[in-house]
Amino acid sequence: MIDSQQERPRVIAVLGPTASGKSALGLALAERLGGEIVSCDSTAVYRGFDIGTDKVPVSEQHGIPHHLIDIVEPTSEYSAAEYARDATKAIRDILTRGRAPILVGGTGLYYRALTRGLFPGPGKDAVLRTRLEAIADRHGVEHLWRMVRRVDAESALRIQPRDRLRLVRALEVYFLTGRPLTAHFAATKAPLDFCTVVPIGVHLPAALTSERVTRRVEQQFARGLLDEVGGLLERGVPETARPFGGLVYRQALELRHGVRDPAATKALIVQGNRQYARRQLIWFRKEPNLRWFDGPGESPDVIARVAEILAGPNQNRP
């Protein structure tokens, strides 16, 4: 392994909260630098879940290759450790082709797994898992999230309150080891230790985030979100599939079941997005060496400033 930071290949990471314009900035940088996009999004990996995850349509990718999108079936389980393995391979392949890897996304755990590594962790404990599942059945999945928040506040920031699988795992690790997940992460090896990661963060004022999220939710419904959900169900994807438990799709399923009307559903999705954006911002603010820019990411001024910094003499320093 090369010891000098300056001699290592560079990976540019475009990170930040939802609706901040990360995808547009990543595309612009890829065009300028001769790069390829590596997605860092835990929902974009699932095939068929397109509108609610805001995947960039092929027609808008400007011919830039995109990696780690649509790589697993919605009924599959895909972990952060698997992502770190697959993203590392994609980055190595991109570098071999003489191209620039541009990591783009907002899933903090995926980014941390790739840049800092994940600890192997204890094996599954069937008895403990059964007990935790029973608690979720009796008191609701959100009760597990509150349990995680009490013992591991940082994990509670990154795990959705209804992500049953990850909540059970976080509690399992805590009860089996006596230490929270986040305490274990610090002692692991980074898969990208052969690269210099240059992280760029994009953020927006809360009011602008709310405005952009509201507009995006309207567009998702106009583009056929409910038809997409219906098509997935008709193809046999069960409502228990992991991506159906995420933001947008969970509320869309509840709309189908008559839990609330379309207007209330859209308002709830907007509210959930605003809350998610705040959690993402808190998470990424704890990442070392991340340089923040006032968005939106598609702003020509932001693109020019980021490109200028990346081309400068201290290009490998965020």
Protein backbone atom coordinates (compact mmCIF):
# COMPACT_ATOMS: atom_id res chain seq x y z
CA MET A 1 0.00 0.00 0.00
CA ILE A 2 1.26 3.50 -0.82
CA ASP A 3 1.89 5.54 2.34
CA SER A 4 1.87 9.03 0.87
CA GLN A 5 -1.57 10.65 0.87
CA GLN A 6 -0.59 12.68 -2.20
CA GLU A 7 0.22 9.57 -4.21
CA ARG A 8 -2.99 7.78 -3.45
CA PRO A 9 -5.83 7.79 -5.99
CA ARG A 10 -8.59 10.23 -5.14
CA VAL A 11 -12.26 9.53 -4.48
CA ILE A 12 -14.54 12.55 -4.36
CA ALA A 13 -17.58 12.12 -2.10
CA VAL A 14 -20.63 14.36 -2.57
CA LEU A 15 -22.71 14.02 0.57
CA GLY A 16 -25.53 15.74 2.40
CA PRO A 17 -29.23 15.74 3.27
CA THR A 18 -32.09 14.83 0.97
CA ALA A 19 -33.13 17.35 -1.71
CA SER A 20 -29.86 19.28 -1.45
CA GLY A 21 -28.87 18.73 -5.08
CA LYS A 22 -26.17 16.10 -4.55
CA SER A 23 -26.98 14.18 -7.72
CA ALA A 24 -26.71 17.26 -9.93
CA LEU A 25 -23.41 18.28 -8.37
CA GLY A 26 -22.03 14.76 -8.70
CA LEU A 27 -22.98 14.63 -12.38
CA ALA A 28 -21.41 18.02 -13.05
CA LEU A 29 -18.16 16.98 -11.38
CA ALA A 30 -18.13 13.66 -13.24
CA GLU A 31 -18.48 15.51 -16.55
CA ARG A 32 -15.67 17.92 -15.70
CA LEU A 33 -13.29 15.34 -14.26
CA GLY A 34 -13.98 12.36 -16.51
CA GLY A 35 -15.64 10.45 -13.73
CA GLU A 36 -18.19 7.79 -12.97
CA ILE A 37 -20.84 7.87 -10.24
CA VAL A 38 -20.90 5.38 -7.37
CA SER A 39 -24.21 5.64 -5.54
CA CYS A 40 -24.18 5.82 -1.75
CA ASP A 41 -27.90 5.31 -1.21
CA SER A 42 -29.45 2.42 0.70
CA THR A 43 -32.73 2.56 -1.24
CA ALA A 44 -31.34 2.96 -4.76
CA VAL A 45 -29.85 -0.55 -4.64
CA TYR A 46 -33.33 -2.10 -5.01
CA ARG A 47 -34.72 -2.84 -8.45
CA GLY A 48 -38.14 -1.43 -9.28
CA PHE A 49 -38.19 1.23 -6.58
CA ASP A 50 -37.46 4.22 -8.78
CA ILE A 51 -39.82 7.16 -8.33
CA GLY A 52 -39.91 7.19 -4.54
CA THR A 53 -36.11 6.91 -4.35
CA ASP A 54 -35.49 9.70 -6.88
CA LYS A 55 -33.12 7.70 -9.02
CA VAL A 56 -31.66 9.81 -11.81
CA PRO A 57 -33.32 8.58 -15.03
CA VAL A 58 -30.94 7.19 -17.64
CA SER A 59 -32.00 9.99 -19.98
CA GLU A 60 -30.65 12.53 -17.47
CA GLN A 61 -27.37 10.78 -16.64
CA HIS A 62 -25.54 12.50 -19.53
CA GLY A 63 -23.88 9.25 -20.48
CA ILE A 64 -22.10 9.05 -17.13
CA PRO A 65 -21.94 5.45 -15.84
CA HIS A 66 -23.74 4.93 -12.53
CA HIS A 67 -22.84 2.08 -10.19
CA LEU A 68 -24.61 0.30 -7.29
CA ILE A 69 -28.08 1.20 -8.49
CA ASP A 70 -30.65 -1.56 -9.15
CA ILE A 71 -28.30 -4.31 -8.03
CA VAL A 72 -30.56 -6.42 -5.75
CA GLU A 73 -34.13 -7.64 -5.74
CA PRO A 74 -36.50 -5.91 -3.30
CA THR A 75 -37.00 -9.17 -1.42
CA SER A 76 -33.28 -9.46 -0.72
CA GLU A 77 -31.44 -8.24 2.35
CA TYR A 78 -28.52 -5.95 1.54
CA SER A 79 -26.22 -4.81 4.32
CA ALA A 80 -23.81 -1.93 4.79
CA ALA A 81 -20.97 -4.45 4.84
CA GLU A 82 -22.04 -5.77 1.42
CA TYR A 83 -22.24 -2.21 0.16
CA ALA A 84 -18.71 -1.46 1.37
CA ARG A 85 -17.44 -4.56 -0.45
CA ASP A 86 -19.30 -3.77 -3.69
CA ALA A 87 -18.46 -0.06 -3.66
CA THR A 88 -14.78 -0.80 -3.08
CA LYS A 89 -14.76 -3.10 -6.10
CA ALA A 90 -16.57 -0.52 -8.24
CA ILE A 91 -14.08 2.18 -7.23
CA ARG A 92 -11.10 -0.05 -8.00
CA ASP A 93 -12.58 -0.83 -11.43
CA ILE A 94 -13.17 2.85 -12.17
CA LEU A 95 -9.59 3.71 -11.21
CA THR A 96 -8.29 0.87 -13.37
CA ARG A 97 -10.08 2.48 -16.33
CA GLY A 98 -8.32 5.76 -15.59
CA ARG A 99 -11.57 7.43 -14.55
CA ALA A 100 -12.43 9.45 -11.45
CA PRO A 101 -14.74 7.82 -8.86
CA ILE A 102 -17.45 10.21 -7.65
CA LEU A 103 -19.31 8.87 -4.61
CA VAL A 104 -22.77 10.45 -4.34
CA GLY A 105 -25.47 9.92 -1.73
CA GLY A 106 -26.94 10.53 1.67
CA THR A 107 -26.80 7.19 3.50
CA GLY A 108 -24.44 7.92 6.35
CA LEU A 109 -23.94 4.32 7.42
CA TYR A 110 -22.96 3.26 3.89
CA TYR A 111 -20.43 6.08 3.71
CA ARG A 112 -19.00 5.23 7.10
CA ALA A 113 -18.80 1.51 6.25
CA LEU A 114 -16.87 2.36 3.10
CA THR A 115 -14.52 4.98 4.53
CA ARG A 116 -14.02 3.65 8.06
CA GLY A 117 -15.16 0.03 7.91
CA LEU A 118 -17.60 -2.05 9.94
CA PHE A 119 -16.74 -4.39 12.76
CA PRO A 120 -17.65 -8.10 12.19
CA GLY A 121 -19.95 -8.11 15.21
CA PRO A 122 -21.35 -11.01 17.20
CA GLY A 123 -23.31 -13.72 15.48
CA LYS A 124 -27.09 -13.82 15.51
CA ASP A 125 -28.70 -14.80 18.79
CA ALA A 126 -32.00 -16.54 18.03
CA VAL A 127 -33.36 -16.29 21.57
CA LEU A 128 -32.58 -12.59 21.89
CA ARG A 129 -33.95 -11.83 18.44
CA THR A 130 -37.18 -13.65 19.24
CA ARG A 131 -37.52 -11.57 22.39
CA LEU A 132 -36.91 -8.31 20.51
CA GLU A 133 -39.32 -9.29 17.75
CA ALA A 134 -41.96 -10.00 20.39
CA ILE A 135 -41.43 -6.53 21.84
CA ALA A 136 -41.94 -5.03 18.39
CA ASP A 137 -45.12 -7.07 17.86
CA ARG A 138 -46.50 -6.06 21.23
CA HIS A 139 -45.50 -2.39 21.41
CA GLY A 140 -44.73 -1.45 17.80
CA VAL A 141 -41.45 -1.14 15.89
CA GLU A 142 -41.04 2.45 17.09
CA HIS A 143 -40.60 1.09 20.61
CA LEU A 144 -37.42 -0.67 19.43
CA TRP A 145 -36.23 2.64 18.01
CA ARG A 146 -36.76 4.32 21.39
CA MET A 147 -34.78 1.52 23.02
CA VAL A 148 -31.93 2.10 20.56
CA ARG A 149 -32.06 5.83 21.21
CA ARG A 150 -31.55 5.23 24.94
CA VAL A 151 -28.44 3.06 24.48
CA ASP A 152 -27.01 4.36 21.17
CA ALA A 153 -28.24 7.84 20.25
CA GLU A 154 -25.99 8.02 17.18
CA SER A 155 -27.42 4.84 15.68
CA ALA A 156 -30.93 6.19 16.33
CA LEU A 157 -30.07 9.14 14.09
CA ARG A 158 -29.27 6.95 11.11
CA ILE A 159 -31.83 4.14 11.51
CA GLN A 160 -35.40 4.82 10.44
CA PRO A 161 -37.89 4.37 13.32
CA ARG A 162 -39.62 1.55 11.40
CA ASP A 163 -36.52 -0.24 10.11
CA ARG A 164 -37.18 -3.37 12.14
CA LEU A 165 -34.21 -5.38 10.88
CA ARG A 166 -31.56 -2.78 11.66
CA LEU A 167 -33.12 -1.86 14.99
CA VAL A 168 -33.10 -5.49 16.09
CA ARG A 169 -29.46 -5.82 15.03
CA ALA A 170 -28.41 -2.65 16.87
CA LEU A 171 -30.04 -3.88 20.07
CA GLU A 172 -28.67 -7.38 19.59
CA VAL A 173 -25.12 -6.04 19.34
CA TYR A 174 -25.62 -3.87 22.41
CA PHE A 175 -27.06 -6.60 24.61
CA LEU A 176 -24.51 -9.21 23.48
CA THR A 177 -21.41 -7.01 23.78
CA GLY A 178 -22.40 -4.34 26.28
CA ARG A 179 -21.31 -1.68 23.78
CA PRO A 180 -23.33 0.17 21.12
CA LEU A 181 -22.70 -0.27 17.41
CA THR A 182 -21.09 3.15 17.11
CA ALA A 183 -18.54 2.25 19.78
CA HIS A 184 -17.46 -0.76 17.72
CA PHE A 185 -17.12 1.14 14.44
CA ALA A 186 -14.09 3.12 15.61
CA ALA A 187 -11.85 0.04 15.82
CA THR A 188 -12.30 -1.18 12.25
CA LYS A 189 -10.27 -1.02 9.05
CA ALA A 190 -11.42 1.20 6.20
CA PRO A 191 -11.98 -0.62 2.88
CA LEU A 192 -10.79 2.52 1.03
CA ASP A 193 -7.47 2.76 2.85
CA PHE A 194 -5.75 2.74 -0.55
CA CYS A 195 -7.47 6.03 -1.52
CA THR A 196 -7.68 9.61 -0.39
CA VAL A 197 -11.35 10.46 0.12
CA VAL A 198 -12.21 14.12 -0.46
CA PRO A 199 -15.66 14.69 1.07
CA ILE A 200 -17.87 17.56 -0.10
CA GLY A 201 -21.07 18.37 1.79
CA VAL A 202 -24.07 20.24 0.42
CA HIS A 203 -26.68 21.74 2.72
CA LEU A 204 -29.63 24.09 2.48
CA PRO A 205 -31.55 26.33 4.88
CA ALA A 206 -34.46 24.49 6.47
CA ALA A 207 -37.03 26.62 4.66
CA LEU A 208 -35.52 25.85 1.25
CA THR A 209 -35.30 22.14 2.07
CA SER A 210 -39.00 22.18 2.95
CA GLU A 211 -39.87 23.97 -0.29
CA ARG A 212 -37.84 21.58 -2.44
CA VAL A 213 -39.13 18.49 -0.65
CA THR A 214 -42.73 19.64 -1.08
CA ARG A 215 -42.20 20.16 -4.79
CA ARG A 216 -40.48 16.81 -5.15
CA VAL A 217 -43.29 14.90 -3.43
CA GLU A 218 -45.82 16.48 -5.79
CA GLN A 219 -43.65 15.43 -8.72
CA GLN A 220 -43.35 11.87 -7.40
CA PHE A 221 -47.12 11.49 -7.32
CA ALA A 222 -47.48 13.14 -10.74
CA ARG A 223 -44.89 10.76 -12.21
CA GLY A 224 -46.88 7.74 -11.06
CA LEU A 225 -45.66 6.76 -7.61
CA LEU A 226 -48.90 4.93 -6.80
CA ASP A 227 -48.81 3.08 -10.13
CA GLU A 228 -45.24 2.04 -9.39
CA VAL A 229 -46.29 0.69 -5.99
CA GLY A 230 -49.24 -1.16 -7.54
CA GLY A 231 -47.01 -2.68 -10.19
CA LEU A 232 -44.53 -3.92 -7.59
CA LEU A 233 -47.30 -5.56 -5.60
CA GLU A 234 -48.74 -7.16 -8.75
CA ARG A 235 -45.31 -8.63 -9.52
CA GLY A 236 -45.37 -10.34 -6.15
CA VAL A 237 -43.20 -8.03 -4.08
CA PRO A 238 -44.63 -8.38 -0.55
CA GLU A 239 -45.48 -5.36 1.55
CA THR A 240 -42.97 -6.67 4.09
CA ALA A 241 -40.07 -6.17 1.64
CA ARG A 242 -37.48 -3.83 3.14
CA PRO A 243 -37.80 -0.96 0.62
CA PHE A 244 -41.55 -0.81 1.30
CA GLY A 245 -40.70 0.09 4.89
CA GLY A 246 -38.84 3.22 3.86
CA LEU A 247 -39.95 6.80 3.57
CA VAL A 248 -42.41 7.53 0.74
CA TYR A 249 -43.26 3.87 0.06
CA ARG A 250 -44.51 3.20 3.56
CA GLN A 251 -46.92 6.14 3.36
CA ALA A 252 -47.95 5.17 -0.18
CA LEU A 253 -48.94 1.72 1.08
CA GLU A 254 -50.93 3.29 3.89
CA LEU A 255 -52.74 5.44 1.33
CA ARG A 256 -53.67 2.30 -0.60
CA HIS A 257 -55.07 0.84 2.61
CA GLY A 258 -57.16 3.94 3.28
CA VAL A 259 -55.23 5.05 6.35
CA ARG A 260 -55.33 8.67 5.14
CA ASP A 261 -56.24 10.66 2.03
CA PRO A 262 -53.78 11.81 -0.69
CA ALA A 263 -53.34 15.33 0.71
CA ALA A 264 -52.57 14.04 4.20
CA THR A 265 -50.26 11.39 2.75
CA LYS A 266 -48.24 13.97 0.85
CA ALA A 267 -48.02 16.19 3.93
CA LEU A 268 -46.78 13.24 6.00
CA ILE A 269 -44.11 12.39 3.41
CA VAL A 270 -42.95 16.00 3.34
CA GLN A 271 -42.74 16.03 7.13
CA GLY A 272 -40.82 12.75 7.12
CA ASN A 273 -38.37 14.11 4.56
CA ARG A 274 -37.75 17.23 6.62
CA GLN A 275 -37.04 15.11 9.69
CA TYR A 276 -34.81 12.78 7.68
CA ALA A 277 -32.85 15.74 6.30
CA ARG A 278 -32.18 16.96 9.84
CA ARG A 279 -30.95 13.52 10.90
CA GLN A 280 -28.69 13.30 7.86
CA LEU A 281 -27.24 16.73 8.58
CA ILE A 282 -26.50 15.78 12.19
CA TRP A 283 -24.88 12.55 11.03
CA PHE A 284 -22.66 14.08 8.36
CA ARG A 285 -21.57 16.94 10.60
CA LYS A 286 -19.78 14.32 12.65
CA GLU A 287 -17.81 13.05 9.67
CA PRO A 288 -14.18 14.23 9.71
CA ASN A 289 -12.71 16.53 7.05
CA LEU A 290 -16.03 17.20 5.32
CA ARG A 291 -16.12 20.63 3.64
CA TRP A 292 -19.59 22.17 3.46
CA PHE A 293 -21.05 24.29 0.69
CA ASP A 294 -24.29 26.22 0.73
CA GLY A 295 -26.48 24.61 -1.92
CA PRO A 296 -28.38 23.76 -3.91
CA GLY A 297 -25.89 21.46 -5.55
CA GLU A 298 -27.07 22.25 -9.07
CA SER A 299 -26.18 25.93 -8.63
CA PRO A 300 -23.52 26.97 -11.20
CA ASP A 301 -21.75 28.89 -8.43
CA VAL A 302 -21.51 25.82 -6.20
CA ILE A 303 -20.33 23.65 -9.09
CA ALA A 304 -17.67 26.20 -10.03
CA ARG A 305 -16.43 26.65 -6.46
CA VAL A 306 -16.19 22.92 -5.81
CA ALA A 307 -14.46 22.29 -9.14
CA GLU A 308 -11.98 25.11 -8.43
CA ILE A 309 -11.08 23.67 -5.06
CA LEU A 310 -10.66 20.17 -6.47
CA ALA A 311 -8.34 21.50 -9.16
CA GLY A 312 -6.25 23.55 -6.71
CA PRO A 313 -2.84 22.78 -5.19
CA ASN A 314 -4.47 21.27 -2.06
CA GLN A 315 -6.92 19.22 -4.07
CA ASN A 316 -6.67 16.22 -1.77
CA ARG A 317 -7.49 18.28 1.29
CA PRO A 318 -11.18 18.91 1.98
